[in-house]
Amino acid sequence: MQDFTDVAYSTSEQHVEASDTRQKRDCKDTEQLVSFLRRRNPFSKDDTSLRTIVSGVVAHESVNVENAGDIGQMILKSMQGKSINECSFKRKRQATTIGS
């Protein structure tokens, strides 16, 4: 029939996210996350400190990773017009993470 009509028939891969198996797994994963957060709620209206969700470790006040984009832009501006040998990368001008 394809030869006769000069029309080709082809199939494409199904979108992985649309499969029943994937949707069931995603639902199960979501339920596990919600259950975990209910048991160990890291969010509080009164406490606005930065902390890790899993361990509950509170970040030191020097942690500034939430400003990483701005810090990176500042570093790039300071490098403009300089050769790489003229640039210095001081720790105090870098983003600080909880693990630092």
Protein backbone atom coordinates (compact mmCIF):
# COMPACT_ATOMS: atom_id res chain seq x y z
CA MET A 1 0.00 0.00 0.00
CA GLN A 2 2.90 2.39 0.79
CA ASP A 3 4.41 1.78 -2.63
CA PHE A 4 1.06 2.25 -4.29
CA THR A 5 0.19 5.52 -2.51
CA ASP A 6 3.79 6.77 -2.39
CA VAL A 7 3.30 7.57 1.30
CA ALA A 8 5.71 6.22 3.90
CA TYR A 9 4.58 4.94 7.29
CA SER A 10 6.88 5.39 10.22
CA THR A 11 6.69 5.33 13.98
CA SER A 12 8.40 7.47 16.54
CA GLU A 13 9.54 6.79 20.06
CA GLN A 14 7.01 7.49 22.76
CA HIS A 15 7.79 10.34 25.05
CA VAL A 16 9.41 8.70 28.10
CA GLU A 17 7.60 10.97 30.56
CA ALA A 18 4.18 9.91 29.22
CA SER A 19 4.45 6.17 29.95
CA ASP A 20 2.26 4.66 32.66
CA THR A 21 5.30 3.19 34.40
CA ARG A 22 7.03 6.58 34.56
CA GLN A 23 3.93 8.33 35.85
CA LYS A 24 3.46 5.71 38.60
CA ARG A 25 7.11 6.02 39.63
CA ASP A 26 6.87 9.82 39.69
CA CYS A 27 3.73 9.61 41.85
CA LYS A 28 5.44 7.21 44.27
CA ASP A 29 8.53 9.45 44.45
CA THR A 30 6.36 12.50 45.15
CA GLU A 31 4.53 10.67 47.95
CA GLN A 32 7.87 9.67 49.51
CA LEU A 33 9.13 13.26 49.38
CA VAL A 34 5.95 14.66 50.93
CA SER A 35 6.07 12.00 53.66
CA PHE A 36 9.72 12.86 54.40
CA LEU A 37 8.97 16.58 54.59
CA ARG A 38 6.03 16.00 56.92
CA ARG A 39 8.26 14.03 59.32
CA ARG A 40 11.19 16.48 59.17
CA ASN A 41 9.72 19.82 58.16
CA PRO A 42 12.68 22.13 57.46
CA PHE A 43 10.42 25.09 56.74
CA SER A 44 9.33 27.52 59.41
CA LYS A 45 7.71 30.94 59.23
CA ASP A 46 9.80 32.10 62.17
CA ASP A 47 13.16 30.67 61.12
CA THR A 48 14.49 32.05 57.82
CA SER A 49 18.00 30.62 58.12
CA LEU A 50 19.48 28.63 55.26
CA ARG A 51 19.74 24.92 56.06
CA THR A 52 20.10 21.57 54.37
CA ILE A 53 16.84 19.68 54.10
CA VAL A 54 18.26 16.21 54.81
CA SER A 55 20.54 16.88 57.77
CA GLY A 56 19.00 20.08 59.12
CA VAL A 57 22.46 21.69 59.39
CA VAL A 58 22.10 25.48 59.60
CA ALA A 59 24.37 27.49 57.35
CA HIS A 60 26.91 29.87 58.87
CA GLU A 61 26.13 33.54 58.30
CA SER A 62 29.06 33.78 55.85
CA VAL A 63 27.28 31.42 53.39
CA ASN A 64 26.23 33.47 50.38
CA VAL A 65 25.64 30.86 47.67
CA GLU A 66 22.20 32.32 46.99
CA ASN A 67 24.07 35.29 45.48
CA ALA A 68 26.30 33.15 43.24
CA GLY A 69 24.98 34.72 40.02
CA ASP A 70 25.71 38.27 41.21
CA ILE A 71 29.11 37.24 42.57
CA GLY A 72 30.00 35.63 39.24
CA GLN A 73 28.99 38.76 37.36
CA MET A 74 31.14 40.86 39.71
CA ILE A 75 34.13 38.57 39.08
CA LEU A 76 33.63 38.80 35.31
CA LYS A 77 33.46 42.60 35.46
CA SER A 78 36.70 42.71 37.46
CA MET A 79 38.39 40.60 34.75
CA GLN A 80 37.39 42.78 31.81
CA GLY A 81 40.33 44.34 30.00
CA LYS A 82 42.90 42.23 31.88
CA SER A 83 45.00 39.31 30.79
CA ILE A 84 44.54 36.09 32.75
CA ASN A 85 47.90 36.68 34.45
CA GLU A 86 46.60 39.93 35.91
CA CYS A 87 43.51 38.34 37.45
CA SER A 88 43.44 37.11 41.01
CA PHE A 89 40.81 34.80 42.39
CA LYS A 90 40.52 35.53 46.09
CA ARG A 91 38.36 33.33 48.27
CA LYS A 92 36.67 36.36 49.85
CA ARG A 93 35.22 37.28 46.42
CA GLN A 94 33.75 33.81 45.76
CA ALA A 95 30.42 32.27 46.65
CA THR A 96 30.55 30.38 49.94
CA THR A 97 28.56 27.15 50.31
CA ILE A 98 27.49 25.25 53.40
CA GLY A 99 30.22 22.69 52.65
CA SER A 100 32.95 25.33 52.45
